[in-house]
Protein backbone atom coordinates (compact mmCIF):
# COMPACT_ATOMS: atom_id res chain seq x y z
CA MET A 1 -9.24 -171.38 -59.79
CA ALA A 2 -9.66 -168.51 -57.21
CA ASP A 3 -10.29 -169.52 -53.91
CA GLN A 4 -14.46 -169.67 -52.70
CA PHE A 5 -16.80 -170.89 -50.22
CA ILE A 6 -20.32 -171.73 -51.31
CA LYS A 7 -23.19 -172.23 -49.25
CA ALA A 8 -26.42 -174.01 -50.59
CA ILE A 9 -29.12 -176.27 -49.54
CA THR A 10 -30.98 -179.52 -51.05
CA LYS A 11 -33.58 -179.18 -53.09
CA ASN A 12 -35.28 -181.21 -50.98
CA LYS A 13 -34.64 -178.86 -47.90
CA TYR A 14 -32.94 -181.92 -45.88
CA PHE A 15 -29.64 -180.74 -45.64
CA ARG A 16 -27.83 -177.35 -45.77
CA THR A 17 -24.20 -177.50 -46.97
CA PHE A 18 -21.52 -175.49 -47.37
CA ALA A 19 -18.05 -176.51 -49.40
CA VAL A 20 -14.84 -174.80 -49.90
CA ASN A 21 -12.06 -174.87 -52.49
CA GLY A 22 -8.91 -172.85 -50.53
CA THR A 23 -5.47 -173.90 -52.57
CA ASN A 24 -4.54 -170.44 -52.62
CA LEU A 25 -4.67 -169.55 -49.12
CA VAL A 26 -3.21 -173.26 -48.23
CA HIS A 27 -0.41 -173.00 -50.27
CA GLN A 28 -0.22 -168.98 -49.06
CA ALA A 29 0.34 -170.06 -45.23
CA ALA A 30 2.27 -173.20 -45.98
CA GLN A 31 4.81 -170.32 -47.54
CA ILE A 32 4.09 -168.06 -45.06
CA HIS A 33 5.50 -170.71 -42.27
CA GLU A 34 7.95 -172.49 -44.10
CA THR A 35 5.91 -175.62 -43.19
CA SER A 36 7.47 -178.88 -43.60
CA ARG A 37 5.48 -181.30 -46.70
CA ILE A 38 3.32 -182.85 -43.45
CA ALA A 39 2.99 -179.76 -41.71
CA ALA A 40 1.43 -177.88 -44.78
CA VAL A 41 -1.54 -180.75 -44.98
CA VAL A 42 -2.17 -180.54 -40.97
CA LEU A 43 -2.36 -176.70 -41.40
CA GLY A 44 -4.38 -176.66 -44.26
CA ARG A 45 -7.26 -179.07 -43.02
CA GLY A 46 -7.08 -176.76 -39.79
CA LEU A 47 -7.84 -173.96 -41.99
CA LEU A 48 -10.38 -175.34 -43.80
CA ALA A 49 -12.13 -177.28 -41.03
CA THR A 50 -12.00 -173.81 -39.44
CA THR A 51 -13.79 -171.85 -42.23
CA LEU A 52 -16.55 -174.21 -42.93
CA THR A 53 -17.70 -174.78 -39.16
CA ALA A 54 -17.51 -170.97 -38.98
CA GLN A 55 -19.18 -170.52 -42.05
CA ALA A 56 -22.25 -172.92 -40.16
CA VAL A 57 -21.88 -171.40 -36.66
CA LEU A 58 -21.82 -167.73 -36.90
CA LYS A 59 -23.32 -164.56 -37.66
CA GLY A 60 -22.43 -160.63 -38.31
CA GLU A 61 -19.01 -159.82 -36.39
CA GLU A 62 -18.81 -163.14 -34.73
CA THR A 63 -15.32 -164.57 -34.65
CA LEU A 64 -14.38 -168.49 -34.25
CA SER A 65 -11.31 -169.85 -32.78
CA THR A 66 -10.01 -173.39 -33.15
CA LYS A 67 -7.40 -175.43 -30.99
CA ILE A 68 -6.32 -178.90 -32.05
CA ASN A 69 -4.03 -180.69 -29.29
CA GLY A 70 -3.70 -184.25 -29.67
CA ARG A 71 -0.06 -184.97 -28.33
CA GLY A 72 1.43 -185.35 -31.45
CA PRO A 73 4.59 -184.09 -32.59
CA ILE A 74 3.03 -181.18 -34.68
CA GLY A 75 1.79 -179.60 -31.51
CA ASN A 76 -1.30 -177.07 -31.28
CA VAL A 77 -2.96 -176.41 -34.18
CA VAL A 78 -4.67 -173.03 -34.14
CA VAL A 79 -7.05 -171.76 -36.34
CA GLU A 80 -8.82 -168.02 -36.32
CA SER A 81 -12.23 -167.49 -38.43
CA ASP A 82 -14.67 -164.98 -38.89
CA ALA A 83 -18.14 -165.15 -41.07
CA LYS A 84 -17.15 -163.25 -43.58
CA GLY A 85 -13.91 -166.20 -45.06
CA SER A 86 -10.52 -164.59 -43.32
CA VAL A 87 -9.04 -166.71 -41.79
CA ARG A 88 -5.44 -167.49 -40.41
CA GLY A 89 -3.37 -170.19 -38.28
CA TYR A 90 -0.45 -172.01 -37.45
CA VAL A 91 1.19 -174.80 -36.13
CA THR A 92 3.21 -175.47 -33.39
CA ASN A 93 6.03 -177.20 -34.87
CA PRO A 94 6.31 -176.22 -38.88
CA ASN A 95 9.33 -178.05 -39.59
CA LEU A 96 8.35 -181.76 -38.53
CA GLU A 97 10.09 -184.08 -40.20
CA THR A 98 7.26 -185.46 -42.39
CA LEU A 99 5.93 -189.08 -41.40
CA ILE A 100 4.53 -191.49 -43.91
CA ASN A 101 3.27 -195.01 -43.87
CA GLU A 102 4.50 -198.06 -45.50
CA ALA A 103 2.54 -197.18 -48.84
CA GLY A 104 4.16 -194.04 -48.73
CA GLN A 105 1.40 -191.71 -47.75
CA LEU A 106 1.40 -189.18 -45.08
CA VAL A 107 -0.02 -189.83 -41.31
CA VAL A 108 -1.85 -186.98 -40.28
CA ALA A 109 -3.10 -188.64 -37.17
CA LYS A 110 0.42 -189.43 -36.15
CA ALA A 111 1.44 -185.92 -36.34
CA VAL A 112 -1.72 -184.65 -34.58
CA GLY A 113 -2.12 -187.35 -31.94
CA LYS A 114 -5.73 -188.31 -31.21
CA ASN A 115 -4.65 -188.19 -27.21
CA GLY A 116 -6.15 -184.58 -26.67
CA PHE A 117 -9.09 -182.27 -27.94
CA LEU A 118 -10.83 -179.80 -29.66
CA GLN A 119 -11.69 -176.54 -28.66
CA VAL A 120 -13.90 -174.42 -30.27
CA THR A 121 -14.38 -170.85 -28.87
CA LYS A 122 -17.25 -168.58 -30.05
CA PHE A 123 -16.48 -164.48 -29.66
CA ALA A 124 -19.66 -162.35 -30.25
CA PRO A 125 -19.75 -158.28 -29.56
CA TYR A 126 -20.59 -157.31 -26.01
CA SER A 127 -21.12 -161.01 -25.16
CA ASP A 128 -18.85 -163.50 -23.14
CA PRO A 129 -16.68 -166.27 -25.28
CA TYR A 130 -18.88 -169.67 -25.76
CA ILE A 131 -16.34 -172.25 -25.45
CA GLY A 132 -17.30 -176.01 -26.70
CA GLN A 133 -14.68 -178.93 -26.34
CA SER A 134 -14.65 -182.17 -27.35
CA GLN A 135 -12.35 -185.38 -27.36
CA LEU A 136 -10.55 -186.44 -30.59
CA VAL A 137 -11.44 -189.39 -32.59
CA SER A 138 -8.92 -189.75 -35.02
CA GLY A 139 -6.70 -186.64 -35.23
CA GLU A 140 -7.72 -186.33 -39.02
CA ILE A 141 -9.13 -183.17 -38.12
CA GLY A 142 -12.02 -183.44 -40.52
CA ASP A 143 -13.51 -186.56 -38.32
CA ASP A 144 -12.65 -184.71 -35.12
CA PHE A 145 -14.55 -181.43 -36.07
CA THR A 146 -17.88 -183.94 -37.42
CA TYR A 147 -17.78 -185.84 -33.91
CA TYR A 148 -17.66 -181.58 -32.51
CA LEU A 149 -20.52 -180.66 -34.33
CA ALA A 150 -22.45 -183.82 -33.22
CA GLN A 151 -21.68 -183.46 -29.75
CA SER A 152 -21.43 -179.67 -28.57
CA GLU A 153 -23.71 -178.17 -31.20
CA GLN A 154 -26.05 -180.95 -31.69
CA THR A 155 -26.21 -181.22 -35.24
CA PRO A 156 -25.97 -184.35 -36.84
CA SER A 157 -22.71 -183.57 -39.48
CA VAL A 158 -20.31 -184.42 -41.87
CA LEU A 159 -17.52 -182.76 -42.24
CA GLY A 160 -14.39 -183.49 -44.84
CA VAL A 161 -10.91 -181.80 -45.35
CA SER A 162 -7.72 -182.59 -47.92
CA VAL A 163 -4.85 -181.06 -48.86
CA TYR A 164 -2.92 -182.29 -52.08
CA MET A 165 0.79 -182.50 -52.00
CA ASN A 166 2.52 -182.15 -55.47
CA SER A 167 5.93 -184.22 -55.97
CA TYR A 168 7.58 -180.73 -55.29
CA ASP A 169 6.76 -180.52 -51.84
CA THR A 170 3.62 -177.39 -52.84
CA VAL A 171 -0.10 -177.12 -51.82
CA ALA A 172 -1.17 -178.07 -55.70
CA GLY A 173 -5.02 -178.49 -54.27
CA ALA A 174 -6.94 -177.71 -51.21
CA GLY A 175 -11.05 -178.04 -50.51
CA GLY A 176 -13.63 -179.57 -48.42
CA PHE A 177 -17.50 -179.72 -47.37
CA LEU A 178 -19.35 -179.59 -44.65
CA VAL A 179 -23.31 -181.13 -44.84
CA GLN A 180 -25.87 -180.91 -41.35
CA ALA A 181 -29.26 -182.62 -41.20
CA LEU A 182 -31.95 -179.93 -40.98
CA PRO A 183 -34.83 -180.63 -38.82
CA ASP A 184 -37.25 -181.66 -41.61
CA ALA A 185 -34.39 -184.64 -42.53
CA THR A 186 -36.56 -188.03 -42.77
CA ASP A 187 -33.86 -190.95 -40.89
CA GLU A 188 -34.59 -192.77 -44.81
CA ALA A 189 -32.61 -189.03 -46.17
CA ILE A 190 -29.77 -189.69 -43.10
CA ASP A 191 -29.34 -193.46 -44.71
CA GLN A 192 -29.27 -192.20 -48.43
CA LEU A 193 -26.87 -189.68 -47.20
CA GLU A 194 -24.11 -192.08 -45.31
CA LEU A 195 -24.73 -194.88 -48.60
CA ALA A 196 -23.61 -192.15 -51.00
CA LEU A 197 -20.73 -190.72 -48.85
CA LYS A 198 -19.67 -194.07 -48.29
CA ASN A 199 -19.85 -195.07 -52.25
CA MET A 200 -18.64 -191.19 -53.44
CA LYS A 201 -15.46 -190.56 -55.25
CA PRO A 202 -12.78 -189.87 -52.36
CA LEU A 203 -12.59 -186.22 -51.38
CA SER A 204 -8.26 -186.62 -52.18
CA GLU A 205 -9.18 -187.38 -55.69
CA MET A 206 -11.75 -184.65 -56.46
CA ILE A 207 -9.41 -182.02 -54.71
CA GLN A 208 -6.83 -183.28 -57.13
CA GLU A 209 -8.71 -183.61 -60.20
CA ARG A 210 -9.17 -179.88 -59.20
CA TYR A 211 -13.20 -180.25 -58.43
CA THR A 212 -15.14 -176.95 -57.80
CA PRO A 213 -16.70 -176.84 -54.03
CA LEU A 214 -20.56 -177.36 -56.29
CA GLU A 215 -19.16 -180.41 -58.10
CA VAL A 216 -17.88 -181.27 -54.86
CA LEU A 217 -21.33 -181.15 -53.47
CA GLU A 218 -22.87 -182.38 -56.66
CA GLU A 219 -20.34 -185.50 -55.88
CA ILE A 220 -22.77 -186.13 -52.63
CA PHE A 221 -26.13 -185.38 -54.13
CA GLY A 222 -26.29 -185.58 -57.28
CA LYS A 223 -26.16 -182.97 -60.50
CA GLY A 224 -28.39 -180.22 -60.04
CA GLU A 225 -29.70 -181.43 -56.68
CA VAL A 226 -28.52 -178.61 -54.50
CA GLU A 227 -29.12 -175.25 -54.73
CA ILE A 228 -26.67 -172.29 -54.33
CA LEU A 229 -27.46 -169.67 -51.49
CA GLN A 230 -24.19 -167.51 -51.29
CA THR A 231 -20.49 -167.47 -53.12
CA ALA A 232 -18.16 -165.98 -51.40
CA GLY A 233 -13.88 -165.44 -51.39
CA ILE A 234 -11.91 -166.70 -48.85
CA GLY A 235 -8.56 -165.93 -47.56
CA LEU A 236 -5.66 -165.20 -45.30
CA ALA A 237 -6.67 -162.87 -42.41
CA ALA A 238 -3.92 -159.87 -42.21
CA GLU A 239 -1.67 -159.57 -39.19
CA PRO A 240 -1.59 -156.56 -37.27
CA SER A 241 0.67 -153.80 -38.36
CA LYS A 242 3.47 -152.25 -36.80
CA ASP A 243 1.81 -149.51 -35.62
CA ALA A 244 -0.87 -151.55 -34.18
CA TYR A 245 1.71 -153.51 -32.29
CA ALA A 246 3.27 -150.11 -31.23
CA LYS A 247 -0.42 -149.27 -29.58
CA MET A 248 -0.26 -153.03 -27.99
CA LEU A 249 3.13 -151.80 -26.22
CA LEU A 250 2.03 -148.67 -24.94
CA THR A 251 -0.73 -151.15 -22.79
CA LEU A 252 2.72 -152.17 -20.75
CA PRO A 253 3.61 -151.37 -17.95
CA ALA A 254 6.64 -148.47 -18.03
CA SER A 255 8.95 -151.01 -15.95
CA GLU A 256 9.07 -153.81 -18.96
CA ILE A 257 9.33 -151.06 -21.56
CA GLN A 258 12.47 -149.66 -19.29
CA ALA A 259 13.62 -153.41 -19.08
CA MET A 260 13.65 -153.71 -22.93
CA ILE A 261 15.89 -150.31 -23.63
CA LYS A 262 17.87 -151.34 -20.67
CA GLU A 263 18.70 -155.53 -21.32
CA ASP A 264 17.91 -155.83 -24.56
CA HIS A 265 18.49 -152.56 -26.44
CA GLY A 266 15.39 -153.05 -28.33
CA ALA A 267 12.32 -155.62 -28.87
CA GLU A 268 11.29 -157.67 -31.37
CA ILE A 269 7.54 -158.92 -32.10
CA VAL A 270 7.05 -161.93 -34.13
CA GLY A 271 3.25 -162.73 -35.77
CA LYS A 272 1.78 -166.09 -34.55
CA PHE A 273 -0.17 -166.47 -37.68
CA SER A 274 2.47 -164.45 -40.24
CA GLY A 275 5.96 -165.34 -39.21
CA LYS A 276 6.16 -161.76 -39.80
CA ARG A 277 9.21 -159.63 -37.53
CA TYR A 278 8.77 -156.13 -36.19
CA PHE A 279 11.47 -154.67 -34.40
CA PHE A 280 11.34 -151.61 -31.84
CA THR A 281 14.59 -150.15 -31.66
CA GLU A 282 15.73 -148.15 -28.72
CA LYS A 283 14.74 -144.66 -29.80
CA GLN A 284 10.79 -146.05 -30.94
CA LEU A 285 10.94 -147.40 -27.11
CA SER A 286 11.84 -144.79 -25.48
CA GLU A 287 9.19 -142.36 -27.45
CA ILE A 288 6.27 -145.21 -26.54
CA LEU A 289 8.17 -145.31 -22.62
CA LYS A 290 7.59 -141.45 -22.77
CA GLN A 291 3.80 -141.69 -23.84
CA ILE A 292 3.27 -143.90 -21.15
CA GLU A 293 4.86 -142.00 -18.30
CA LYS A 294 2.46 -139.13 -19.93
CA ASN A 295 -0.39 -141.08 -20.02
CA ASN A 296 -0.03 -141.78 -16.54
CA GLU A 297 0.21 -138.44 -15.06
């Protein structure tokens, strides 16, 4: 199944909904960062939750950056997404030893921690960034985004994400949903939604059974009760090329480039989001230095 998200509205016009299948992108991200089993799940949940939130709050060329710091051993969970479905992210400790409970289940909350915050920054062209923040409530990520949307965005919401790992420690399924109440939603409709969420099949089982995004929403609202408004693909955002990093080096003081040449005999740049390594030789740095000096004349 190709990665995709759908945007929909319930036929009674009480709720707008989003659902995503991100198996391929989470699998790819886990491979790029060479994550442990638990780190793959944490990173995957962060990627999915940020993607869903971005679809709900962004428009046009706006972008969203989220950072979870629960003071757990995984460190920070940092993700960036845009309104078009491109997303990328990383965790501070991708090699964290897998944490499991007595039932043999992964313990995401213990890896993430909950003594911290979820920070969400929205960037819009020609405007100052908007920064929102809320305390973590569980460290499970889905609950934490739900709380953020209710507190900072003032929108009654529920967000759920799940990543399924097979016996070979490979990402075999990843997806999630976001439901938000619209202004016309009645108290009765909200109560019915809460009951439906309580009684529905666990999201983890739906992901394991390869439910499509539409099937996930129909599990919540019933068959034929949602109208799809938009369907689009999602995927990992491209990392800057070596040429792009060279342009960034051109913005540094000449003294810093000189130090790279004399002391380090080169420079290595590692992309945080992709893990790719780009090496600049002394000769390449010398050319960059010449350009900097020329620009400063």
